[in-house]
Amino acid sequence: MTSTSMSMSFADIERDVARAKKLARVDATRIEGVRAFARAIERATMSSSSSSSFDSSSFKASPASDDDDVAATIGEWMMECAREFAKEYPVERLSATSVERERERCGKSAKMCADAREAYERDGDDARRATGVAAALSAQVEYERLATSERGGEAFAAFARDALERARVACDEATARVAEHHEDYFPSLWNAADARLKCAEHAAEEGDFARASLMYDEMSIAYQRACGFADASRGDDLGGFLYDWGCSLTSAAQFIVLSAHAHAHEDAMRTIDTAVEKLKHAAKFSLGAMEPLNAIGDAYQAKAEIFIARGDAREAGECLLLALSEGFARALKASSLDLDANIGCGEVYLELGRLYVSIGDESSARENFESAWRAYQKAMANTKDDPGTCEERFGVVYNAACAANLAGHRAVALDLIENLIACGGATRDGVDADPDLRSHIQHCSSS
């Protein structure tokens, strides 16, 4: 095959990718589009590896296209395709095979991310190569976590620890290259902060609190440095940056509580207050976006949990009300069907109901349990938004069963729990041990 015919073939691949993406955006042709996307990427990979006959100058990835641009663009395609593979479509009712199907989908996504990393490693642009490698490694860890049945096992833990550390190092290499060429520091420092967050969260999961603390500290420094280089007039995404920063601080606050040092609760609450401040600014920069509002709700929920642990029901209740008024309820005013906002409202009302039970106000408790159940009904009826992983869906259904049971809808709660157990999302021993379910569910099932 001549260089000309190969270059034409690669230009055709670029057009095939565009057509596949268009198909994937339409519900009726989504599966066909994702499969076509994967086939086009496979052809692109084969073409680019045939260096003796591949002429990258015909590839329209950028005005100054060359082999480096081809490698980077193939890597980007692979990452995008991995995200599409991981999604279930059409979204089906949870069943006994849901987890297995998810593992299969995410296994394909993990493999695609590994291939993306190899593509990025062929990129001659040092900063872009390092950034791409870091993104591919981080995504591969998340997909492998969902693909393996032994996500708590030593083999996965070792793989995740190594991959996330390599991603952190790659981000630092990208930052160094940017500094050498006096380029925009902001995105590379933002990536460096995110890489440290992932390392910190994994270390905390493993119980390595010393490393987690170090990574959270370095994360905060990276965010602060990145903020100094942010420039809205240059087109920097300040809303997205502040959103990530706020969410990362909420994560850090939850870790501080786990660390259980002498002033852990006070330090964690100060960190959450800072998180809320960042998220409120993010909402101002990203008008109409649901994510910052829902994250504000999450932050106030985290603060309420600290007060609950301290036995302060009044302060906990105030934080939960703020989670609604400044977070989830505000999001629902903008979009009444927003999935995360409805789930957040369900969680808050459920916890408020428990607090009212603890102080003997049964009437207010029942009212909040009923509100929680209505919110969960709206969430479970949502077929438009991505429902998340099986584990996340199991959690929503379980909490919905708790809300329904506590609100007096015991037959509905029993049906939800029986279906959840059949799907592998709960165990009978776990249900029997849960005071939100135990007595009423048992009574209903025996009647």
Protein backbone atom coordinates (compact mmCIF):
# COMPACT_ATOMS: atom_id res chain seq x y z
CA MET A 1 0.00 0.00 0.00
CA THR A 2 1.33 3.42 -0.91
CA SER A 3 1.80 6.32 1.46
CA THR A 4 -1.00 8.18 -0.33
CA SER A 5 -3.53 5.37 0.03
CA MET A 6 -2.67 4.90 3.69
CA SER A 7 -2.97 8.63 4.39
CA MET A 8 -6.36 8.70 2.68
CA SER A 9 -7.40 5.74 4.80
CA PHE A 10 -6.47 7.58 7.95
CA ALA A 11 -8.37 10.67 6.87
CA ASP A 12 -11.36 8.39 6.32
CA ILE A 13 -10.93 7.12 9.87
CA GLU A 14 -11.22 10.63 11.18
CA ARG A 15 -14.51 10.99 9.34
CA ASP A 16 -15.64 7.59 10.62
CA VAL A 17 -14.98 8.70 14.18
CA ALA A 18 -17.08 11.83 13.67
CA ARG A 19 -19.94 9.73 12.26
CA ALA A 20 -19.67 7.22 15.13
CA LYS A 21 -19.82 9.98 17.74
CA LYS A 22 -22.91 11.40 16.07
CA LEU A 23 -24.61 7.99 16.19
CA ALA A 24 -23.61 7.52 19.83
CA ARG A 25 -25.33 10.76 20.83
CA VAL A 26 -28.74 9.45 19.68
CA ASP A 27 -30.49 6.97 21.97
CA ALA A 28 -31.77 4.78 19.13
CA THR A 29 -28.31 4.36 17.57
CA ARG A 30 -26.09 4.67 20.64
CA ILE A 31 -24.87 1.05 20.77
CA GLU A 32 -24.18 1.04 17.02
CA GLY A 33 -22.26 4.31 17.40
CA VAL A 34 -20.07 3.11 20.28
CA ARG A 35 -19.18 -0.08 18.41
CA ALA A 36 -18.35 1.92 15.27
CA PHE A 37 -16.23 4.26 17.40
CA ALA A 38 -14.23 1.30 18.75
CA ARG A 39 -13.70 -0.14 15.26
CA ALA A 40 -12.50 3.21 13.95
CA ILE A 41 -10.02 3.52 16.82
CA GLU A 42 -8.70 0.04 16.09
CA ARG A 43 -8.09 1.01 12.45
CA ALA A 44 -6.45 4.25 13.55
CA THR A 45 -4.11 2.38 15.87
CA MET A 46 -3.12 -0.07 13.15
CA SER A 47 -2.54 2.75 10.67
CA SER A 48 -0.45 4.86 13.01
CA SER A 49 1.73 1.90 13.94
CA SER A 50 2.58 1.33 10.25
CA SER A 51 5.17 4.10 10.27
CA SER A 52 6.73 3.02 6.99
CA SER A 53 3.57 3.82 5.03
CA PHE A 54 1.73 6.29 7.27
CA ASP A 55 1.72 9.94 6.26
CA SER A 56 0.41 11.92 9.23
CA SER A 57 0.34 15.17 7.28
CA SER A 58 -3.10 14.25 5.92
CA PHE A 59 -4.54 13.81 9.39
CA LYS A 60 -6.66 16.83 10.32
CA ALA A 61 -6.32 16.63 14.10
CA SER A 62 -4.81 20.11 14.17
CA PRO A 63 -3.51 22.77 11.77
CA ALA A 64 0.06 21.63 12.43
CA SER A 65 -0.71 17.90 12.46
CA ASP A 66 2.15 15.42 12.77
CA ASP A 67 2.82 11.99 14.30
CA ASP A 68 2.65 13.48 17.81
CA ASP A 69 -0.80 14.94 17.16
CA VAL A 70 -1.97 11.59 15.82
CA ALA A 71 -0.79 9.76 18.94
CA ALA A 72 -2.41 12.29 21.27
CA THR A 73 -5.68 12.30 19.34
CA ILE A 74 -5.90 8.51 19.30
CA GLY A 75 -5.32 8.56 23.05
CA GLU A 76 -8.15 11.08 23.47
CA TRP A 77 -10.46 8.95 21.32
CA MET A 78 -9.66 5.89 23.40
CA MET A 79 -10.42 7.69 26.65
CA GLU A 80 -13.72 8.93 25.27
CA CYS A 81 -14.62 5.47 24.01
CA ALA A 82 -13.75 3.96 27.40
CA ARG A 83 -16.29 6.27 29.03
CA GLU A 84 -18.92 5.16 26.54
CA PHE A 85 -18.14 1.45 27.08
CA ALA A 86 -18.63 1.84 30.83
CA LYS A 87 -22.17 3.19 30.51
CA GLU A 88 -25.09 0.78 30.52
CA TYR A 89 -27.50 1.40 27.69
CA PRO A 90 -30.35 1.10 27.80
CA VAL A 91 -30.38 1.46 31.60
CA GLU A 92 -32.07 -1.70 32.85
CA ARG A 93 -33.77 -2.60 36.10
CA LEU A 94 -31.30 -3.98 38.63
CA SER A 95 -31.09 -7.76 38.43
CA ALA A 96 -28.92 -10.69 39.50
CA THR A 97 -26.73 -10.11 36.42
CA SER A 98 -26.28 -6.34 36.81
CA VAL A 99 -22.93 -6.52 38.62
CA GLU A 100 -21.53 -9.05 36.18
CA ARG A 101 -22.55 -6.93 33.20
CA GLU A 102 -20.95 -3.90 34.81
CA ARG A 103 -17.71 -5.79 35.38
CA GLU A 104 -17.64 -6.82 31.75
CA ARG A 105 -18.24 -3.27 30.51
CA CYS A 106 -15.66 -1.75 32.84
CA GLY A 107 -13.14 -4.44 31.96
CA LYS A 108 -13.35 -3.26 28.34
CA SER A 109 -13.00 0.34 29.51
CA ALA A 110 -9.93 -0.49 31.59
CA LYS A 111 -8.31 -2.19 28.59
CA MET A 112 -9.11 0.85 26.43
CA CYS A 113 -7.47 3.13 29.01
CA ALA A 114 -4.36 0.94 29.01
CA ASP A 115 -4.26 1.26 25.21
CA ALA A 116 -4.77 5.03 25.56
CA ARG A 117 -1.75 5.22 27.85
CA GLU A 118 0.36 3.46 25.21
CA ALA A 119 -0.90 5.90 22.58
CA TYR A 120 -0.06 8.90 24.75
CA GLU A 121 3.43 7.51 25.39
CA ARG A 122 4.13 7.87 21.66
CA ASP A 123 3.40 11.60 21.83
CA GLY A 124 6.59 13.62 21.37
CA ASP A 125 5.15 16.63 23.20
CA ASP A 126 6.54 16.08 26.71
CA ALA A 127 3.90 17.99 28.66
CA ARG A 128 0.98 16.63 26.67
CA ARG A 129 2.36 13.08 26.87
CA ALA A 130 2.71 13.23 30.65
CA THR A 131 -0.76 14.72 31.11
CA GLY A 132 -2.34 12.07 28.89
CA VAL A 133 -0.51 9.21 30.60
CA ALA A 134 -1.64 10.48 34.01
CA ALA A 135 -5.28 10.73 32.90
CA ALA A 136 -5.23 7.25 31.37
CA LEU A 137 -3.67 5.66 34.46
CA SER A 138 -6.17 7.31 36.82
CA ALA A 139 -9.12 6.26 34.69
CA GLN A 140 -7.80 2.72 34.37
CA VAL A 141 -7.72 2.40 38.16
CA GLU A 142 -11.37 3.45 38.44
CA TYR A 143 -12.52 1.01 35.76
CA GLU A 144 -10.41 -1.83 37.17
CA ARG A 145 -11.97 -1.13 40.58
CA LEU A 146 -15.41 -1.79 39.08
CA ALA A 147 -14.25 -4.68 36.89
CA THR A 148 -12.69 -6.81 39.63
CA SER A 149 -14.64 -8.94 42.07
CA GLU A 150 -11.82 -8.55 44.60
CA ARG A 151 -11.45 -4.77 44.70
CA GLY A 152 -10.35 -5.01 48.33
CA GLY A 153 -7.71 -7.63 47.54
CA GLU A 154 -3.97 -7.14 47.72
CA ALA A 155 -3.44 -7.51 43.96
CA PHE A 156 -5.81 -4.67 43.08
CA ALA A 157 -4.55 -2.50 45.94
CA ALA A 158 -0.97 -2.89 44.72
CA PHE A 159 -1.94 -2.16 41.12
CA ALA A 160 -3.93 0.93 42.12
CA ARG A 161 -1.21 2.24 44.40
CA ASP A 162 1.44 1.87 41.66
CA ALA A 163 -0.74 3.31 38.88
CA LEU A 164 -1.86 6.33 40.89
CA GLU A 165 1.71 7.05 41.95
CA ARG A 166 2.83 6.86 38.31
CA ALA A 167 0.00 9.26 37.44
CA ARG A 168 1.19 11.67 40.13
CA VAL A 169 4.76 11.53 38.84
CA ALA A 170 3.55 12.06 35.28
CA CYS A 171 1.62 15.17 36.33
CA ASP A 172 4.73 16.53 38.02
CA GLU A 173 6.72 15.86 34.85
CA ALA A 174 4.14 17.77 32.82
CA THR A 175 4.33 20.70 35.24
CA ALA A 176 8.11 20.73 34.97
CA ARG A 177 7.97 20.75 31.15
CA VAL A 178 5.48 23.62 31.20
CA ALA A 179 7.81 25.59 33.47
CA GLU A 180 10.74 25.00 31.12
CA HIS A 181 8.81 26.43 28.19
CA HIS A 182 7.20 29.25 30.19
CA GLU A 183 3.72 28.02 29.26
CA ASP A 184 0.41 28.21 31.14
CA TYR A 185 0.93 26.73 34.60
CA PHE A 186 -2.76 26.60 35.56
CA PRO A 187 -3.98 23.36 33.94
CA SER A 188 -0.87 21.37 34.88
CA LEU A 189 -1.07 22.41 38.54
CA TRP A 190 -4.79 21.61 38.57
CA ASN A 191 -3.98 18.13 37.23
CA ALA A 192 -1.25 17.73 39.84
CA ALA A 193 -3.74 18.56 42.61
CA ASP A 194 -6.26 16.04 41.26
CA ALA A 195 -3.59 13.32 41.02
CA ARG A 196 -2.73 13.86 44.69
CA LEU A 197 -6.39 13.67 45.67
CA LYS A 198 -6.66 10.24 44.06
CA CYS A 199 -3.48 9.07 45.80
CA ALA A 200 -4.76 10.41 49.13
CA GLU A 201 -8.16 8.73 48.86
CA HIS A 202 -6.62 5.39 47.93
CA ALA A 203 -4.09 5.61 50.76
CA ALA A 204 -6.93 6.37 53.20
CA GLU A 205 -8.85 3.33 51.94
CA GLU A 206 -5.79 1.20 52.58
CA GLY A 207 -5.36 2.62 56.08
CA ASP A 208 -2.07 4.34 55.22
CA PHE A 209 -2.99 7.53 57.06
CA ALA A 210 0.51 8.99 56.97
CA ARG A 211 0.66 8.90 53.17
CA ALA A 212 -2.95 10.06 52.87
CA SER A 213 -2.20 13.07 55.08
CA LEU A 214 0.89 13.93 53.03
CA MET A 215 -1.02 13.69 49.74
CA TYR A 216 -3.91 15.82 51.03
CA ASP A 217 -1.42 18.46 52.20
CA GLU A 218 0.34 18.48 48.82
CA MET A 219 -3.05 18.60 47.10
CA SER A 220 -3.98 21.76 48.98
CA ILE A 221 -0.67 23.39 48.10
CA ALA A 222 -1.13 22.52 44.41
CA TYR A 223 -4.63 24.01 44.36
CA GLN A 224 -3.37 27.19 46.02
CA ARG A 225 -0.54 27.50 43.50
CA ALA A 226 -2.89 26.84 40.58
CA CYS A 227 -5.25 29.54 41.83
CA GLY A 228 -2.42 32.07 41.57
CA PHE A 229 -2.09 31.35 37.83
CA ALA A 230 -5.82 31.24 37.01
CA ASP A 231 -7.04 33.86 34.57
CA ALA A 232 -10.69 34.01 33.45
CA SER A 233 -9.80 36.44 30.64
CA ARG A 234 -7.63 33.71 29.15
CA GLY A 235 -10.54 31.28 29.13
CA ASP A 236 -9.57 29.29 32.22
CA ASP A 237 -12.47 27.25 33.61
CA LEU A 238 -12.64 28.87 37.04
CA GLY A 239 -16.03 27.36 37.80
CA GLY A 240 -14.78 23.83 37.19
CA PHE A 241 -11.55 24.52 39.07
CA LEU A 242 -13.31 25.86 42.17
CA TYR A 243 -15.79 22.99 42.03
CA ASP A 244 -12.97 20.42 42.05
CA TRP A 245 -11.17 22.31 44.81
CA GLY A 246 -14.29 22.42 46.98
CA CYS A 247 -15.04 18.72 46.48
CA SER A 248 -11.42 17.86 47.26
CA LEU A 249 -11.60 19.82 50.50
CA THR A 250 -14.76 17.96 51.52
CA SER A 251 -12.88 14.71 50.91
CA ALA A 252 -9.97 16.00 53.01
CA ALA A 253 -12.35 16.93 55.85
CA GLN A 254 -13.80 13.42 55.90
CA PHE A 255 -10.29 12.02 56.11
CA ILE A 256 -9.42 14.38 58.98
CA VAL A 257 -12.35 12.93 60.95
CA LEU A 258 -11.05 9.41 60.32
CA SER A 259 -7.56 10.38 61.48
CA ALA A 260 -9.07 11.00 64.94
CA HIS A 261 -6.34 13.33 66.19
CA ALA A 262 -6.96 15.64 69.15
CA HIS A 263 -8.66 18.46 67.24
CA ALA A 264 -9.93 16.41 64.30
CA HIS A 265 -13.56 17.56 64.44
CA GLU A 266 -12.68 21.25 64.67
CA ASP A 267 -10.13 20.99 61.85
CA ALA A 268 -12.57 19.06 59.68
CA MET A 269 -15.34 21.61 60.16
CA ARG A 270 -13.00 24.49 59.25
CA THR A 271 -12.01 22.57 56.13
CA ILE A 272 -15.67 22.03 55.20
CA ASP A 273 -16.39 25.75 55.68
CA THR A 274 -13.59 26.50 53.23
CA ALA A 275 -14.99 23.88 50.84
CA VAL A 276 -18.42 25.54 50.95
CA GLU A 277 -16.82 28.91 50.22
CA LYS A 278 -15.07 27.52 47.12
CA LEU A 279 -18.24 25.78 45.94
CA LYS A 280 -20.35 28.94 46.32
CA HIS A 281 -17.86 30.79 44.14
CA ALA A 282 -17.97 27.89 41.67
CA ALA A 283 -21.76 28.25 41.47
CA LYS A 284 -21.37 31.94 40.64
CA PHE A 285 -18.89 31.20 37.86
CA SER A 286 -21.02 28.33 36.51
CA LEU A 287 -24.53 29.78 36.51
CA GLY A 288 -27.16 27.09 35.92
CA ALA A 289 -24.82 24.21 36.76
CA MET A 290 -26.21 21.63 39.19
CA GLU A 291 -22.87 20.19 40.28
CA PRO A 292 -21.68 23.02 42.58
CA LEU A 293 -25.08 23.20 44.30
CA ASN A 294 -25.20 19.46 44.90
CA ALA A 295 -21.62 19.57 46.17
CA ILE A 296 -22.60 22.30 48.65
CA GLY A 297 -25.30 19.94 49.89
CA ASP A 298 -22.75 17.14 50.23
CA ALA A 299 -20.41 19.41 52.21
CA TYR A 300 -23.10 20.42 54.70
CA GLN A 301 -24.09 16.75 55.04
CA ALA A 302 -20.48 15.93 55.92
CA LYS A 303 -20.52 18.68 58.55
CA ALA A 304 -23.81 17.35 59.96
CA GLU A 305 -22.22 13.91 60.34
CA ILE A 306 -19.52 15.44 62.54
CA PHE A 307 -22.12 17.03 64.81
CA ILE A 308 -24.06 13.76 64.95
CA ALA A 309 -20.90 11.95 66.03
CA ARG A 310 -20.52 14.55 68.79
CA GLY A 311 -24.14 14.06 69.88
CA ASP A 312 -25.17 17.61 68.93
CA ALA A 313 -28.57 17.08 67.26
CA ARG A 314 -29.41 20.78 67.04
CA GLU A 315 -26.27 21.79 65.14
CA ALA A 316 -26.56 18.69 62.96
CA GLY A 317 -30.12 19.61 62.08
CA GLU A 318 -29.10 23.15 61.13
CA CYS A 319 -26.41 21.80 58.81
CA LEU A 320 -28.89 19.44 57.18
CA LEU A 321 -31.32 22.30 56.59
CA LEU A 322 -28.48 24.27 54.98
CA ALA A 323 -27.74 21.25 52.80
CA LEU A 324 -31.28 21.61 51.48
CA SER A 325 -31.68 25.39 51.27
CA GLU A 326 -28.22 26.19 49.85
CA GLY A 327 -27.63 22.94 48.01
CA PHE A 328 -30.06 20.26 46.90
CA ALA A 329 -33.30 22.28 47.03
CA ARG A 330 -31.67 25.10 45.02
CA ALA A 331 -30.59 22.56 42.42
CA LEU A 332 -34.13 21.20 42.20
CA LYS A 333 -35.50 24.70 41.60
CA ALA A 334 -33.38 24.81 38.48
CA SER A 335 -34.12 21.21 37.46
CA SER A 336 -36.79 19.32 39.39
CA LEU A 337 -35.71 15.97 37.94
CA ASP A 338 -31.99 16.27 38.69
CA LEU A 339 -30.92 12.83 39.90
CA ASP A 340 -28.19 13.83 42.34
CA ALA A 341 -30.33 16.57 43.87
CA ASN A 342 -33.24 14.21 44.49
CA ILE A 343 -30.92 11.61 46.01
CA GLY A 344 -29.36 14.32 48.18
CA CYS A 345 -32.78 15.48 49.37
CA GLY A 346 -33.69 11.90 50.18
CA GLU A 347 -30.54 11.47 52.28
CA VAL A 348 -31.09 14.74 54.13
CA TYR A 349 -34.76 14.15 54.91
CA LEU A 350 -33.97 10.61 56.05
CA GLU A 351 -31.32 11.88 58.46
CA LEU A 352 -33.58 14.68 59.69
CA GLY A 353 -36.24 12.09 60.44
CA ARG A 354 -33.78 10.08 62.49
CA LEU A 355 -32.80 13.20 64.42
CA TYR A 356 -36.45 13.93 65.23
CA VAL A 357 -36.85 10.34 66.43
CA SER A 358 -33.86 10.83 68.74
CA ILE A 359 -35.55 13.79 70.45
CA GLY A 360 -38.97 12.15 70.59
CA ASP A 361 -40.76 14.22 67.91
CA GLU A 362 -42.54 11.41 66.08
CA SER A 363 -44.78 13.69 64.01
CA SER A 364 -41.87 15.65 62.50
CA ALA A 365 -39.96 12.42 62.04
CA ARG A 366 -42.76 10.85 60.00
CA GLU A 367 -43.11 14.01 57.91
CA ASN A 368 -39.41 13.95 57.01
CA PHE A 369 -39.43 10.21 56.31
CA GLU A 370 -42.34 10.77 53.91
CA SER A 371 -40.40 13.59 52.20
CA ALA A 372 -37.38 11.29 51.91
CA TRP A 373 -39.49 8.57 50.32
CA ARG A 374 -40.96 11.02 47.76
CA ALA A 375 -37.47 12.22 46.84
CA TYR A 376 -36.22 8.66 46.38
CA GLN A 377 -39.25 7.81 44.25
CA LYS A 378 -38.35 10.68 41.91
CA ALA A 379 -34.73 9.53 41.81
CA MET A 380 -35.62 5.92 41.01
CA ALA A 381 -38.06 7.03 38.31
CA ASN A 382 -35.35 9.04 36.53
CA THR A 383 -34.39 7.18 33.36
CA LYS A 384 -32.63 10.11 31.68
CA ASP A 385 -29.55 10.71 33.84
CA ASP A 386 -26.69 8.25 34.28
CA PRO A 387 -27.67 6.28 37.42
CA GLY A 388 -24.05 5.55 38.35
CA THR A 389 -22.43 2.27 39.29
CA CYS A 390 -24.29 -0.77 40.58
CA GLU A 391 -22.95 -0.05 44.05
CA GLU A 392 -24.33 3.49 43.91
CA ARG A 393 -27.69 2.26 42.62
CA PHE A 394 -27.85 -0.37 45.36
CA GLY A 395 -27.26 2.37 47.93
CA VAL A 396 -30.11 4.49 46.56
CA VAL A 397 -32.55 1.57 46.58
CA TYR A 398 -31.49 0.54 50.09
CA ASN A 399 -32.00 4.06 51.47
CA ALA A 400 -35.30 4.29 49.60
CA ALA A 401 -36.42 1.11 51.35
CA CYS A 402 -35.43 2.61 54.70
CA ALA A 403 -37.39 5.79 53.95
CA ALA A 404 -40.44 3.88 52.74
CA ASN A 405 -40.39 1.61 55.79
CA LEU A 406 -40.01 4.45 58.28
CA ALA A 407 -42.76 6.41 56.52
CA GLY A 408 -45.10 3.45 56.97
CA HIS A 409 -45.02 2.03 53.43
CA ARG A 410 -43.89 -1.36 54.67
CA ALA A 411 -45.02 -3.55 51.80
CA VAL A 412 -43.18 -1.29 49.33
CA ALA A 413 -40.06 -1.39 51.51
CA LEU A 414 -40.22 -5.18 51.67
CA ASP A 415 -40.48 -5.42 47.88
CA LEU A 416 -37.47 -3.12 47.41
CA ILE A 417 -35.38 -5.08 49.89
CA GLU A 418 -36.31 -8.48 48.46
CA ASN A 419 -35.33 -7.28 44.98
CA LEU A 420 -32.11 -5.82 46.32
CA ILE A 421 -31.15 -9.07 48.03
CA ALA A 422 -31.90 -10.98 44.81
CA CYS A 423 -29.53 -8.61 42.95
CA GLY A 424 -26.73 -9.09 45.48
CA GLY A 425 -27.03 -5.53 46.75
CA ALA A 426 -27.86 -6.48 50.34
CA THR A 427 -27.86 -9.49 52.65
CA ARG A 428 -30.60 -10.74 54.96
CA ASP A 429 -28.23 -10.54 57.91
CA GLY A 430 -27.49 -6.91 57.08
CA VAL A 431 -31.17 -6.07 56.78
CA ASP A 432 -32.00 -7.86 60.03
CA ALA A 433 -29.33 -5.83 61.82
CA ASP A 434 -30.54 -2.45 60.52
CA PRO A 435 -32.94 -0.72 62.95
CA ASP A 436 -34.40 1.29 60.05
CA LEU A 437 -35.61 -1.96 58.50
CA ARG A 438 -35.47 -4.79 60.93
CA SER A 439 -38.69 -4.80 62.97
CA HIS A 440 -41.14 -3.44 60.40
CA ILE A 441 -39.81 -5.48 57.49
CA GLN A 442 -39.87 -8.68 59.53
CA HIS A 443 -43.39 -7.94 60.73
CA CYS A 444 -44.60 -7.27 57.18
CA SER A 445 -42.93 -10.37 55.71
CA SER A 446 -44.44 -12.65 58.36
CA SER A 447 -47.96 -11.21 58.11
